């Protein structure tokens, strides 16, 4: 899982793996609260991912796919984690995900920051990259991405998609906010 998983949370007394597969694990920790009482916490551990804001002339490359946990299709920025057995830097992952999902390659890359996905129950974080000077090519999607759709959406359209519920992915909305706060 992500690099900071080896650190023991403050007050942790015990930890036990409850479930594990290639993409995630769930653990149950007992811990001491600041007042001295003992509690139990369930934590989902997942590898960190990279997300890419690929921008050309004020428009963003988005992908849409079916997201099983929410039972619907949703638009988002290209993103992903390394498949089992592969690894590399967050920047290498961002480059791979962009080409894999959209076929787009970028000549210019800027790291915008590292955020946490859902720190109330999940240890997963993500690195946000802004990609420009784009060249279009062929995508190389994984079998699980066979139904993926790719589109270039201007910024006004992107904002409308957030407001009308076509974009519901918190990482995408957070990444966009980080882009606007750093430009």
C-alpha atoms as a PDB file:
ATOM      1  CA  UNK A   1       0.000   0.000   0.000  1.00  0.00           C
ATOM      2  CA  UNK A   2       1.072   3.668   0.024  1.00  0.00           C
ATOM      3  CA  UNK A   3       4.444   4.609   1.447  1.00  0.00           C
ATOM      4  CA  UNK A   4       3.212   5.974   4.798  1.00  0.00           C
ATOM      5  CA  UNK A   5       1.475   2.715   5.828  1.00  0.00           C
ATOM      6  CA  UNK A   6       4.491   1.645   7.920  1.00  0.00           C
ATOM      7  CA  UNK A   7       3.909   4.477  10.375  1.00  0.00           C
ATOM      8  CA  UNK A   8       1.894   3.556  13.450  1.00  0.00           C
ATOM      9  CA  UNK A   9      -0.946   5.988  14.106  1.00  0.00           C
ATOM     10  CA  UNK A  10      -0.685   7.809  17.467  1.00  0.00           C
ATOM     11  CA  UNK A  11      -2.279   5.788  20.243  1.00  0.00           C
ATOM     12  CA  UNK A  12      -2.553   2.555  18.238  1.00  0.00           C
ATOM     13  CA  UNK A  13      -2.664  -0.467  20.552  1.00  0.00           C
ATOM     14  CA  UNK A  14      -3.419  -3.309  18.122  1.00  0.00           C
ATOM     15  CA  UNK A  15      -4.071  -3.778  14.432  1.00  0.00           C
ATOM     16  CA  UNK A  16      -5.561  -6.738  12.611  1.00  0.00           C
ATOM     17  CA  UNK A  17      -6.097  -7.350   8.899  1.00  0.00           C
ATOM     18  CA  UNK A  18      -9.791  -8.006   8.249  1.00  0.00           C
ATOM     19  CA  UNK A  19      -9.744  -8.278   4.434  1.00  0.00           C
ATOM     20  CA  UNK A  20      -7.164  -8.051   1.637  1.00  0.00           C
ATOM     21  CA  UNK A  21      -7.052  -8.331  -2.164  1.00  0.00           C
ATOM     22  CA  UNK A  22      -4.706  -6.959  -4.876  1.00  0.00           C
ATOM     23  CA  UNK A  23      -6.163  -3.447  -4.674  1.00  0.00           C
ATOM     24  CA  UNK A  24      -6.961  -2.806  -1.033  1.00  0.00           C
ATOM     25  CA  UNK A  25      -6.927  -4.034   2.529  1.00  0.00           C
ATOM     26  CA  UNK A  26      -9.148  -3.347   5.514  1.00  0.00           C
ATOM     27  CA  UNK A  27      -7.776  -3.331   9.029  1.00  0.00           C
ATOM     28  CA  UNK A  28      -9.292  -2.885  12.445  1.00  0.00           C
ATOM     29  CA  UNK A  29      -7.244  -0.968  14.994  1.00  0.00           C
ATOM     30  CA  UNK A  30      -7.779  -0.464  18.682  1.00  0.00           C
ATOM     31  CA  UNK A  31      -6.383   2.806  19.934  1.00  0.00           C
ATOM     32  CA  UNK A  32      -6.222   5.103  22.918  1.00  0.00           C
ATOM     33  CA  UNK A  33      -8.009   8.432  22.559  1.00  0.00           C
ATOM     34  CA  UNK A  34      -6.463  11.611  24.025  1.00  0.00           C
ATOM     35  CA  UNK A  35      -8.784  11.270  27.066  1.00  0.00           C
ATOM     36  CA  UNK A  36      -7.418   7.749  27.754  1.00  0.00           C
ATOM     37  CA  UNK A  37     -10.493   5.810  26.618  1.00  0.00           C
ATOM     38  CA  UNK A  38     -10.031   2.963  24.150  1.00  0.00           C
ATOM     39  CA  UNK A  39     -11.753   2.883  20.754  1.00  0.00           C
ATOM     40  CA  UNK A  40     -11.903   0.823  17.583  1.00  0.00           C
ATOM     41  CA  UNK A  41     -11.286   2.189  14.101  1.00  0.00           C
ATOM     42  CA  UNK A  42     -11.751   0.527  10.703  1.00  0.00           C
ATOM     43  CA  UNK A  43      -9.291   1.703   8.046  1.00  0.00           C
ATOM     44  CA  UNK A  44      -9.225   1.024   4.307  1.00  0.00           C
ATOM     45  CA  UNK A  45      -5.647   0.975   3.004  1.00  0.00           C
ATOM     46  CA  UNK A  46      -5.163   1.532  -0.718  1.00  0.00           C
ATOM     47  CA  UNK A  47      -2.142   2.479  -2.798  1.00  0.00           C
ATOM     48  CA  UNK A  48      -1.816   6.148  -3.646  1.00  0.00           C
ATOM     49  CA  UNK A  49      -2.780   7.174  -7.176  1.00  0.00           C
ATOM     50  CA  UNK A  50      -1.939   9.892  -9.668  1.00  0.00           C
ATOM     51  CA  UNK A  51      -4.491  12.143 -11.340  1.00  0.00           C
ATOM     52  CA  UNK A  52      -3.831  14.213 -14.472  1.00  0.00           C
ATOM     53  CA  UNK A  53      -5.379  17.490 -15.525  1.00  0.00           C
ATOM     54  CA  UNK A  54      -4.513  17.439 -19.232  1.00  0.00           C
ATOM     55  CA  UNK A  55      -5.330  20.913 -20.533  1.00  0.00           C
ATOM     56  CA  UNK A  56      -5.296  22.242 -24.099  1.00  0.00           C
ATOM     57  CA  UNK A  57      -6.471  25.757 -24.958  1.00  0.00           C
ATOM     58  CA  UNK A  58      -8.564  26.056 -21.792  1.00  0.00           C
ATOM     59  CA  UNK A  59     -10.246  22.663 -22.221  1.00  0.00           C
ATOM     60  CA  UNK A  60      -9.722  19.477 -20.210  1.00  0.00           C
ATOM     61  CA  UNK A  61      -9.382  15.865 -21.288  1.00  0.00           C
ATOM     62  CA  UNK A  62     -11.928  13.836 -19.306  1.00  0.00           C
ATOM     63  CA  UNK A  63     -12.889  10.189 -19.237  1.00  0.00           C
ATOM     64  CA  UNK A  64     -16.237   8.640 -18.390  1.00  0.00           C
ATOM     65  CA  UNK A  65     -16.687   5.124 -17.106  1.00  0.00           C
ATOM     66  CA  UNK A  66     -19.012   2.967 -15.063  1.00  0.00           C
ATOM     67  CA  UNK A  67     -18.120   3.127 -11.357  1.00  0.00           C
ATOM     68  CA  UNK A  68     -19.468  -0.015  -9.727  1.00  0.00           C
ATOM     69  CA  UNK A  69     -19.511   1.220  -6.091  1.00  0.00           C
ATOM     70  CA  UNK A  70     -21.910   4.060  -6.980  1.00  0.00           C
ATOM     71  CA  UNK A  71     -23.780   2.115  -9.673  1.00  0.00           C
ATOM     72  CA  UNK A  72     -23.435   4.687 -12.443  1.00  0.00           C
ATOM     73  CA  UNK A  73     -21.217   6.251 -15.057  1.00  0.00           C
ATOM     74  CA  UNK A  74     -19.245   9.347 -14.100  1.00  0.00           C
ATOM     75  CA  UNK A  75     -16.829  11.779 -15.741  1.00  0.00           C
ATOM     76  CA  UNK A  76     -13.410  12.438 -14.193  1.00  0.00           C
ATOM     77  CA  UNK A  77      -9.824  13.339 -14.938  1.00  0.00           C
ATOM     78  CA  UNK A  78      -7.604  10.420 -15.999  1.00  0.00           C
ATOM     79  CA  UNK A  79      -6.225   8.687 -12.904  1.00  0.00           C
ATOM     80  CA  UNK A  80      -5.057   5.377 -11.544  1.00  0.00           C
ATOM     81  CA  UNK A  81      -2.657   3.247  -9.543  1.00  0.00           C
ATOM     82  CA  UNK A  82       0.073   0.850 -10.562  1.00  0.00           C
ATOM     83  CA  UNK A  83      -1.141  -2.647 -11.419  1.00  0.00           C
ATOM     84  CA  UNK A  84       0.019  -5.450  -9.099  1.00  0.00           C
ATOM     85  CA  UNK A  85       3.736  -6.116  -9.542  1.00  0.00           C
ATOM     86  CA  UNK A  86       4.560  -2.746 -11.128  1.00  0.00           C
ATOM     87  CA  UNK A  87       5.793   0.437  -9.502  1.00  0.00           C
ATOM     88  CA  UNK A  88       7.397   3.774 -10.228  1.00  0.00           C
ATOM     89  CA  UNK A  89       7.228   7.426  -9.308  1.00  0.00           C
ATOM     90  CA  UNK A  90       3.942   9.337  -9.126  1.00  0.00           C
ATOM     91  CA  UNK A  91       5.025  11.307 -12.232  1.00  0.00           C
ATOM     92  CA  UNK A  92       5.675   8.091 -14.180  1.00  0.00           C
ATOM     93  CA  UNK A  93       2.277   6.817 -13.118  1.00  0.00           C
ATOM     94  CA  UNK A  94       0.611  10.039 -14.259  1.00  0.00           C
ATOM     95  CA  UNK A  95       2.239   9.765 -17.693  1.00  0.00           C
ATOM     96  CA  UNK A  96       1.168   6.128 -18.006  1.00  0.00           C
ATOM     97  CA  UNK A  97      -2.432   6.785 -16.957  1.00  0.00           C
ATOM     98  CA  UNK A  98      -2.847   9.699 -19.372  1.00  0.00           C
ATOM     99  CA  UNK A  99      -1.674   7.663 -22.369  1.00  0.00           C
ATOM    100  CA  UNK A 100      -3.479   4.516 -21.249  1.00  0.00           C
ATOM    101  CA  UNK A 101      -6.870   6.173 -20.788  1.00  0.00           C
ATOM    102  CA  UNK A 102      -6.815   8.910 -23.463  1.00  0.00           C
ATOM    103  CA  UNK A 103      -3.891   8.352 -25.827  1.00  0.00           C
ATOM    104  CA  UNK A 104      -2.666  11.858 -24.981  1.00  0.00           C
ATOM    105  CA  UNK A 105       1.027  12.554 -24.360  1.00  0.00           C
ATOM    106  CA  UNK A 106       2.251  15.766 -22.753  1.00  0.00           C
ATOM    107  CA  UNK A 107       5.531  17.615 -23.225  1.00  0.00           C
ATOM    108  CA  UNK A 108       5.067  19.829 -20.144  1.00  0.00           C
ATOM    109  CA  UNK A 109       4.272  18.558 -16.646  1.00  0.00           C
ATOM    110  CA  UNK A 110       3.738  20.438 -13.405  1.00  0.00           C
ATOM    111  CA  UNK A 111       3.228  18.824  -9.993  1.00  0.00           C
ATOM    112  CA  UNK A 112       0.408  20.614  -8.159  1.00  0.00           C
ATOM    113  CA  UNK A 113       0.362  18.767  -4.841  1.00  0.00           C
ATOM    114  CA  UNK A 114      -0.536  15.709  -2.795  1.00  0.00           C
ATOM    115  CA  UNK A 115      -4.022  15.320  -1.294  1.00  0.00           C
ATOM    116  CA  UNK A 116      -5.802  12.611   0.694  1.00  0.00           C
ATOM    117  CA  UNK A 117      -8.804  10.828  -0.783  1.00  0.00           C
ATOM    118  CA  UNK A 118     -10.996  10.241   2.300  1.00  0.00           C
ATOM    119  CA  UNK A 119      -8.925  10.613   5.483  1.00  0.00           C
ATOM    120  CA  UNK A 120     -11.843   9.793   7.761  1.00  0.00           C
ATOM    121  CA  UNK A 121     -11.653   6.107   6.826  1.00  0.00           C
ATOM    122  CA  UNK A 122      -9.071   5.595   4.082  1.00  0.00           C
ATOM    123  CA  UNK A 123      -5.290   6.037   4.039  1.00  0.00           C
ATOM    124  CA  UNK A 124      -5.124   6.582   0.254  1.00  0.00           C
ATOM    125  CA  UNK A 125      -3.676   9.786  -1.135  1.00  0.00           C
ATOM    126  CA  UNK A 126      -3.129  11.123  -4.612  1.00  0.00           C
ATOM    127  CA  UNK A 127      -0.670  13.262  -6.528  1.00  0.00           C
ATOM    128  CA  UNK A 128      -2.081  15.909  -8.850  1.00  0.00           C
ATOM    129  CA  UNK A 129      -0.324  16.802 -12.111  1.00  0.00           C
ATOM    130  CA  UNK A 130      -1.079  19.464 -14.730  1.00  0.00           C
ATOM    131  CA  UNK A 131      -0.131  18.359 -18.241  1.00  0.00           C
ATOM    132  CA  UNK A 132       0.115  20.738 -21.214  1.00  0.00           C
ATOM    133  CA  UNK A 133       1.701  20.826 -24.698  1.00  0.00           C
ATOM    134  CA  UNK A 134      -0.372  17.811 -25.649  1.00  0.00           C
ATOM    135  CA  UNK A 135      -0.121  15.391 -28.543  1.00  0.00           C
ATOM    136  CA  UNK A 136      -3.030  13.105 -29.400  1.00  0.00           C
ATOM    137  CA  UNK A 137      -2.490   9.398 -30.019  1.00  0.00           C
ATOM    138  CA  UNK A 138      -4.080   6.006 -29.424  1.00  0.00           C
ATOM    139  CA  UNK A 139      -5.193   4.938 -25.976  1.00  0.00           C
ATOM    140  CA  UNK A 140      -4.045   1.638 -24.405  1.00  0.00           C
ATOM    141  CA  UNK A 141      -6.853   0.868 -21.982  1.00  0.00           C
ATOM    142  CA  UNK A 142      -6.947  -2.069 -19.621  1.00  0.00           C
ATOM    143  CA  UNK A 143      -9.747  -4.620 -20.008  1.00  0.00           C
ATOM    144  CA  UNK A 144     -11.569  -3.041 -17.038  1.00  0.00           C
ATOM    145  CA  UNK A 145     -11.635   0.258 -18.978  1.00  0.00           C
ATOM    146  CA  UNK A 146     -13.203  -1.149 -22.159  1.00  0.00           C
ATOM    147  CA  UNK A 147     -16.349   0.978 -21.738  1.00  0.00           C
ATOM    148  CA  UNK A 148     -14.401   4.199 -21.112  1.00  0.00           C
ATOM    149  CA  UNK A 149     -15.284   7.307 -23.127  1.00  0.00           C
ATOM    150  CA  UNK A 150     -12.855  10.211 -23.695  1.00  0.00           C
ATOM    151  CA  UNK A 151     -13.846  13.824 -24.366  1.00  0.00           C
ATOM    152  CA  UNK A 152     -12.311  17.285 -24.456  1.00  0.00           C
ATOM    153  CA  UNK A 153     -14.480  19.664 -22.401  1.00  0.00           C
ATOM    154  CA  UNK A 154     -14.071  23.434 -22.099  1.00  0.00           C
ATOM    155  CA  UNK A 155     -13.882  24.945 -18.614  1.00  0.00           C
ATOM    156  CA  UNK A 156     -17.441  26.285 -18.642  1.00  0.00           C
ATOM    157  CA  UNK A 157     -18.705  22.842 -19.638  1.00  0.00           C
ATOM    158  CA  UNK A 158     -16.575  21.239 -16.931  1.00  0.00           C
ATOM    159  CA  UNK A 159     -18.095  23.492 -14.273  1.00  0.00           C
ATOM    160  CA  UNK A 160     -21.593  22.726 -15.567  1.00  0.00           C
ATOM    161  CA  UNK A 161     -20.843  18.987 -15.357  1.00  0.00           C
ATOM    162  CA  UNK A 162     -19.948  19.418 -11.668  1.00  0.00           C
ATOM    163  CA  UNK A 163     -23.132  21.340 -10.954  1.00  0.00           C
ATOM    164  CA  UNK A 164     -25.444  18.954 -12.825  1.00  0.00           C
ATOM    165  CA  UNK A 165     -23.904  15.830 -11.268  1.00  0.00           C
ATOM    166  CA  UNK A 166     -22.081  14.326 -14.244  1.00  0.00           C
ATOM    167  CA  UNK A 167     -18.806  14.904 -12.367  1.00  0.00           C
ATOM    168  CA  UNK A 168     -19.130  13.529  -8.829  1.00  0.00           C
ATOM    169  CA  UNK A 169     -15.568  12.334  -8.262  1.00  0.00           C
ATOM    170  CA  UNK A 170     -14.110  14.201  -5.286  1.00  0.00           C
ATOM    171  CA  UNK A 171     -10.520  13.746  -6.492  1.00  0.00           C
ATOM    172  CA  UNK A 172     -11.373  15.378  -9.835  1.00  0.00           C
ATOM    173  CA  UNK A 173     -13.069  18.341  -8.168  1.00  0.00           C
ATOM    174  CA  UNK A 174     -10.235  18.692  -5.624  1.00  0.00           C
ATOM    175  CA  UNK A 175      -7.600  18.513  -8.373  1.00  0.00           C
ATOM    176  CA  UNK A 176      -9.403  21.237 -10.337  1.00  0.00           C
ATOM    177  CA  UNK A 177      -9.544  23.420  -7.209  1.00  0.00           C
ATOM    178  CA  UNK A 178      -5.810  22.886  -6.638  1.00  0.00           C
ATOM    179  CA  UNK A 179      -5.142  23.872 -10.273  1.00  0.00           C
ATOM    180  CA  UNK A 180      -7.092  27.102  -9.890  1.00  0.00           C
ATOM    181  CA  UNK A 181      -5.435  27.921  -6.543  1.00  0.00           C
ATOM    182  CA  UNK A 182      -1.938  27.487  -8.036  1.00  0.00           C
ATOM    183  CA  UNK A 183      -2.378  29.499 -11.247  1.00  0.00           C
END
